[in-house]
Amino acid sequence: MQKQSYQKGTLSLIERKSGNKWVFRYRTNEGVQKAIIVGSQEKYKSKADAWKAVSSLQSEINDNVECVLFRQLIDRYSQEELPERKSTESAVRSNLKRLRADFETDKLIDLAKNPMKIENWLKELKTLPTPTRPAVPLSRTTKKHLHGLMHQLFDRAVVWNYLALVRNPMDTVKIKGKATKKRARLVIEGPHLIALAQDEELPMMVKVMLVVGIYSGMRASEILGLRWEAVDFEAGVIHVERSVVGKYEDDTKTEAS
């Protein structure tokens, strides 16, 4: 992939017999350094004034180079930065697929300069419709996951020299809308447990999982990952060593997660 990072360039004041001049320097797509005289110090009293004059030059230079597309950033992230846990990787891949579809042709630098576009995109996101259910707005939690993923993508863009940024543009993007109502949690107490244990239609395997979960505090994924060798009946200890989510068997969650 041929890439060209965003050219911010440098600005310096050069002494000349005819008067001090502000000079803007940048590199071309081939790596050749170029210099443009912006104007005299008499015309631009401060460096800030000279930078304002340079802004139009920056836009012109970057419009004429081959910049990285957002989808190219996603492709590299998919190759190098996916999480090791299979269940987490599957969720990240799904979100990357959505980002790639919605920003297929966008230049990376254009998105970095227009965080409002991303904010409006997050605001309007909906689920995919099905034959039995119409599209509805995405939950705030899902939007937060997408927001966090885009933040990571822009971070890597800086590390990989695709962008020259001081601040991640996602820091300015807000997730609007009310938080979805949390579902009421069902608390299983003694009488409920006894009723479930006596339920003839409930498979024995499910009853065992239920009892193990209640008395050990293990997650459902950790119970599904249990093997006989992980249970020490003499010591009365269960060794939690793996988990199963969907079709993936993996290590258990880390302390950080």
Protein backbone atom coordinates (compact mmCIF):
# COMPACT_ATOMS: atom_id res chain seq x y z
CA MET A 1 0.00 0.00 0.00
CA GLN A 2 1.41 3.35 -0.98
CA LYS A 3 0.78 5.80 1.80
CA GLN A 4 1.34 9.45 2.49
CA SER A 5 0.97 10.86 5.97
CA TYR A 6 -0.75 14.17 6.46
CA GLN A 7 1.69 17.00 5.82
CA LYS A 8 1.65 19.52 8.63
CA GLY A 9 5.08 20.79 7.67
CA THR A 10 7.38 23.16 9.57
CA LEU A 11 7.52 26.93 9.71
CA SER A 12 10.66 28.91 10.44
CA LEU A 13 11.88 32.51 10.23
CA ILE A 14 14.87 33.00 7.92
CA GLU A 15 17.08 36.10 8.00
CA ARG A 16 17.49 37.82 4.64
CA LYS A 17 19.13 41.09 3.63
CA SER A 18 15.84 42.22 2.17
CA GLY A 19 14.08 41.40 5.44
CA ASN A 20 13.23 38.30 7.47
CA LYS A 21 11.02 35.76 5.71
CA TRP A 22 8.68 33.04 6.97
CA VAL A 23 9.49 29.75 5.19
CA PHE A 24 7.20 26.72 5.12
CA ARG A 25 8.83 23.30 4.52
CA TYR A 26 7.18 19.95 3.73
CA ARG A 27 7.95 16.63 2.01
CA THR A 28 6.50 15.36 -1.25
CA ASN A 29 5.12 11.89 -1.87
CA GLU A 30 8.62 10.83 -2.95
CA GLY A 31 10.21 12.16 0.25
CA VAL A 32 11.74 15.25 -1.35
CA GLN A 33 11.77 18.31 0.89
CA LYS A 34 10.20 21.47 -0.54
CA ALA A 35 10.28 25.05 0.76
CA ILE A 36 7.80 27.86 0.15
CA ILE A 37 8.26 31.48 1.20
CA VAL A 38 5.06 32.47 2.98
CA GLY A 39 5.80 36.15 3.42
CA SER A 40 7.85 38.69 5.30
CA GLN A 41 7.98 39.21 9.05
CA GLU A 42 6.73 42.70 8.40
CA LYS A 43 3.54 41.24 6.89
CA TYR A 44 3.13 38.42 9.44
CA LYS A 45 4.22 39.79 12.79
CA SER A 46 3.95 36.53 14.73
CA LYS A 47 4.38 32.84 13.96
CA ALA A 48 0.68 32.33 14.66
CA ASP A 49 -0.17 34.82 11.90
CA ALA A 50 2.17 33.01 9.51
CA TRP A 51 0.57 29.62 10.35
CA LYS A 52 -2.84 31.05 9.45
CA ALA A 53 -1.46 31.97 6.05
CA VAL A 54 0.00 28.47 5.69
CA SER A 55 -3.32 26.69 6.31
CA SER A 56 -4.48 27.11 2.72
CA LEU A 57 -1.11 25.78 1.50
CA GLN A 58 -1.48 22.72 3.73
CA SER A 59 -4.90 21.94 2.28
CA GLU A 60 -3.63 22.32 -1.28
CA ILE A 61 -0.59 20.09 -0.64
CA ASN A 62 -2.59 17.35 1.06
CA ASP A 63 -5.29 17.40 -1.59
CA ASN A 64 -2.63 16.56 -4.18
CA VAL A 65 -1.05 13.57 -2.45
CA GLU A 66 -2.32 10.02 -2.14
CA CYS A 67 -3.60 9.87 1.42
CA VAL A 68 -4.50 6.75 3.34
CA LEU A 69 -8.12 5.67 3.14
CA PHE A 70 -9.93 4.75 6.34
CA ARG A 71 -10.56 1.24 5.02
CA GLN A 72 -6.79 0.77 4.60
CA LEU A 73 -6.29 1.64 8.26
CA ILE A 74 -8.96 -0.92 9.17
CA ASP A 75 -7.27 -3.58 7.03
CA ARG A 76 -3.92 -3.10 8.78
CA TYR A 77 -5.58 -3.01 12.21
CA SER A 78 -7.33 -6.30 11.36
CA GLN A 79 -3.97 -7.88 10.53
CA GLU A 80 -1.93 -6.59 13.48
CA GLU A 81 -4.10 -5.43 16.37
CA LEU A 82 -6.99 -7.85 16.91
CA PRO A 83 -7.40 -9.11 20.51
CA GLU A 84 -6.20 -12.62 21.32
CA ARG A 85 -9.47 -13.85 22.87
CA LYS A 86 -11.55 -15.43 20.11
CA SER A 87 -14.88 -14.28 21.51
CA THR A 88 -13.64 -10.68 21.78
CA GLU A 89 -12.00 -10.87 18.35
CA SER A 90 -15.32 -11.91 16.80
CA ALA A 91 -17.09 -8.84 18.23
CA VAL A 92 -14.29 -6.51 17.10
CA ARG A 93 -14.32 -7.97 13.59
CA SER A 94 -18.06 -7.39 13.39
CA ASN A 95 -17.65 -3.73 14.37
CA LEU A 96 -14.74 -3.28 11.95
CA LYS A 97 -16.90 -4.69 9.16
CA ARG A 98 -19.56 -2.08 9.91
CA LEU A 99 -17.01 0.76 10.01
CA ARG A 100 -15.48 -0.38 6.74
CA ALA A 101 -18.86 -0.49 5.00
CA ASP A 102 -19.92 2.97 6.20
CA PHE A 103 -16.57 4.73 5.60
CA GLU A 104 -15.39 2.71 2.59
CA THR A 105 -14.23 5.66 0.47
CA ASP A 106 -13.37 8.23 3.16
CA LYS A 107 -9.84 9.57 3.42
CA LEU A 108 -8.41 9.13 6.89
CA ILE A 109 -7.36 12.76 7.13
CA ASP A 110 -10.84 13.94 6.11
CA LEU A 111 -12.42 12.00 8.98
CA ALA A 112 -9.80 13.29 11.40
CA LYS A 113 -10.66 16.86 10.41
CA ASN A 114 -14.42 16.28 10.60
CA PRO A 115 -15.33 14.56 13.90
CA MET A 116 -18.86 15.96 13.59
CA LYS A 117 -19.44 13.52 10.71
CA ILE A 118 -18.58 10.63 13.03
CA GLU A 119 -20.75 12.05 15.82
CA ASN A 120 -23.76 12.33 13.51
CA TRP A 121 -23.09 8.83 12.20
CA LEU A 122 -23.13 7.41 15.74
CA LYS A 123 -26.31 9.31 16.50
CA GLU A 124 -28.19 7.83 13.53
CA LEU A 125 -26.98 4.24 13.85
CA LYS A 126 -29.65 1.54 13.87
CA THR A 127 -29.81 -2.22 14.05
CA LEU A 128 -30.25 -4.21 10.86
CA PRO A 129 -33.93 -4.98 10.18
CA THR A 130 -35.19 -8.57 10.14
CA PRO A 131 -38.40 -10.10 8.77
CA THR A 132 -39.89 -10.02 12.27
CA ARG A 133 -38.30 -6.87 13.70
CA PRO A 134 -37.84 -3.38 12.23
CA ALA A 135 -34.60 -1.44 12.58
CA VAL A 136 -34.27 0.35 15.93
CA PRO A 137 -31.62 2.76 17.28
CA LEU A 138 -28.47 1.03 18.52
CA SER A 139 -28.01 0.85 22.28
CA ARG A 140 -25.75 3.37 23.97
CA THR A 141 -23.45 0.51 25.02
CA THR A 142 -22.94 -0.62 21.41
CA LYS A 143 -22.24 2.96 20.35
CA LYS A 144 -19.63 3.22 23.11
CA HIS A 145 -17.93 0.10 21.76
CA LEU A 146 -17.80 1.61 18.26
CA HIS A 147 -16.56 4.92 19.68
CA GLY A 148 -13.80 3.14 21.59
CA LEU A 149 -12.76 1.13 18.54
CA MET A 150 -12.49 4.26 16.38
CA HIS A 151 -10.41 5.89 19.13
CA GLN A 152 -8.00 2.94 18.93
CA LEU A 153 -7.90 3.17 15.13
CA PHE A 154 -6.91 6.85 15.20
CA ASP A 155 -4.29 6.09 17.87
CA ARG A 156 -2.72 3.48 15.60
CA ALA A 157 -2.90 5.87 12.64
CA VAL A 158 -0.61 8.23 14.54
CA VAL A 159 1.77 5.42 15.57
CA TRP A 160 1.94 4.17 11.96
CA ASN A 161 2.63 7.71 10.72
CA TYR A 162 -0.59 7.94 8.72
CA LEU A 163 -1.59 11.10 10.62
CA ALA A 164 0.20 13.87 12.49
CA LEU A 165 -2.17 14.64 15.36
CA VAL A 166 -1.79 16.22 18.76
CA ARG A 167 -5.25 15.15 19.93
CA ASN A 168 -7.29 12.14 18.97
CA PRO A 169 -10.40 13.47 17.11
CA MET A 170 -12.60 10.92 18.93
CA ASP A 171 -11.94 12.83 22.16
CA THR A 172 -14.32 15.48 20.85
CA VAL A 173 -17.04 13.07 19.67
CA LYS A 174 -19.98 12.74 22.05
CA ILE A 175 -22.46 9.90 22.16
CA LYS A 176 -25.85 11.52 22.29
CA GLY A 177 -29.15 10.04 23.38
CA LYS A 178 -30.54 8.61 26.56
CA ALA A 179 -29.10 5.49 28.09
CA THR A 180 -31.28 2.44 27.58
CA LYS A 181 -33.12 1.16 30.60
CA LYS A 182 -31.38 -1.65 32.40
CA ARG A 183 -33.28 -4.90 32.58
CA ALA A 184 -34.46 -5.88 36.01
CA ARG A 185 -32.26 -8.60 37.42
CA LEU A 186 -33.89 -11.81 38.57
CA VAL A 187 -32.60 -12.80 41.99
CA ILE A 188 -32.86 -16.54 42.58
CA GLU A 189 -33.49 -17.28 46.24
CA GLY A 190 -33.88 -20.51 48.18
CA PRO A 191 -37.49 -21.32 47.21
CA HIS A 192 -36.74 -20.61 43.53
CA LEU A 193 -33.71 -22.90 43.57
CA ILE A 194 -35.70 -25.72 45.15
CA ALA A 195 -38.46 -25.30 42.57
CA LEU A 196 -35.94 -25.42 39.71
CA ALA A 197 -34.25 -28.50 41.18
CA GLN A 198 -37.62 -30.27 41.31
CA ASP A 199 -38.65 -29.23 37.80
CA GLU A 200 -38.86 -32.50 35.84
CA GLU A 201 -38.68 -30.72 32.47
CA LEU A 202 -35.36 -29.05 33.28
CA PRO A 203 -32.41 -31.23 32.10
CA MET A 204 -30.09 -32.45 34.86
CA MET A 205 -27.13 -30.79 33.13
CA VAL A 206 -28.81 -27.39 33.43
CA LYS A 207 -29.66 -28.02 37.08
CA VAL A 208 -26.01 -28.81 37.84
CA MET A 209 -24.83 -25.68 36.02
CA LEU A 210 -27.35 -23.61 37.95
CA VAL A 211 -26.22 -24.92 41.32
CA VAL A 212 -22.52 -24.51 40.46
CA GLY A 213 -23.09 -20.93 39.33
CA ILE A 214 -25.07 -19.95 42.43
CA TYR A 215 -22.65 -21.42 44.95
CA SER A 216 -19.39 -20.53 43.18
CA GLY A 217 -20.16 -17.20 41.51
CA MET A 218 -18.68 -18.47 38.25
CA ARG A 219 -19.71 -16.96 34.93
CA ALA A 220 -21.80 -19.04 32.53
CA SER A 221 -18.86 -19.13 30.07
CA GLU A 222 -16.58 -20.47 32.83
CA ILE A 223 -19.06 -23.19 33.79
CA LEU A 224 -19.32 -24.25 30.14
CA GLY A 225 -15.54 -24.51 30.05
CA LEU A 226 -15.28 -26.81 33.07
CA ARG A 227 -13.70 -30.25 32.74
CA TRP A 228 -13.57 -33.05 35.28
CA GLU A 229 -9.84 -32.60 35.86
CA ALA A 230 -10.54 -29.00 37.00
CA VAL A 231 -12.63 -30.25 39.96
CA ASP A 232 -10.73 -31.34 43.09
CA PHE A 233 -13.35 -33.18 45.15
CA GLU A 234 -10.98 -33.94 48.03
CA ALA A 235 -9.95 -30.30 48.52
CA GLY A 236 -13.40 -28.98 47.60
CA VAL A 237 -11.88 -26.68 44.97
CA ILE A 238 -12.85 -25.86 41.37
CA HIS A 239 -9.98 -24.60 39.19
CA VAL A 240 -11.30 -22.03 36.70
CA GLU A 241 -8.92 -22.38 33.76
CA ARG A 242 -10.93 -21.81 30.57
CA SER A 243 -14.18 -20.41 29.24
CA VAL A 244 -16.46 -21.14 26.31
CA VAL A 245 -18.33 -18.40 24.44
CA GLY A 246 -20.34 -19.53 21.44
CA LYS A 247 -18.15 -21.92 19.48
CA TYR A 248 -14.89 -20.59 20.92
CA GLU A 249 -12.91 -22.08 23.81
CA ASP A 250 -10.46 -19.62 25.34
CA ASP A 251 -8.68 -18.52 28.48
CA THR A 252 -10.73 -16.90 31.22
CA LYS A 253 -11.15 -13.16 31.47
CA THR A 254 -8.17 -11.21 32.75
CA GLU A 255 -8.24 -9.15 35.94
CA ALA A 256 -8.37 -5.99 33.81
CA SER A 257 -11.55 -7.10 32.01
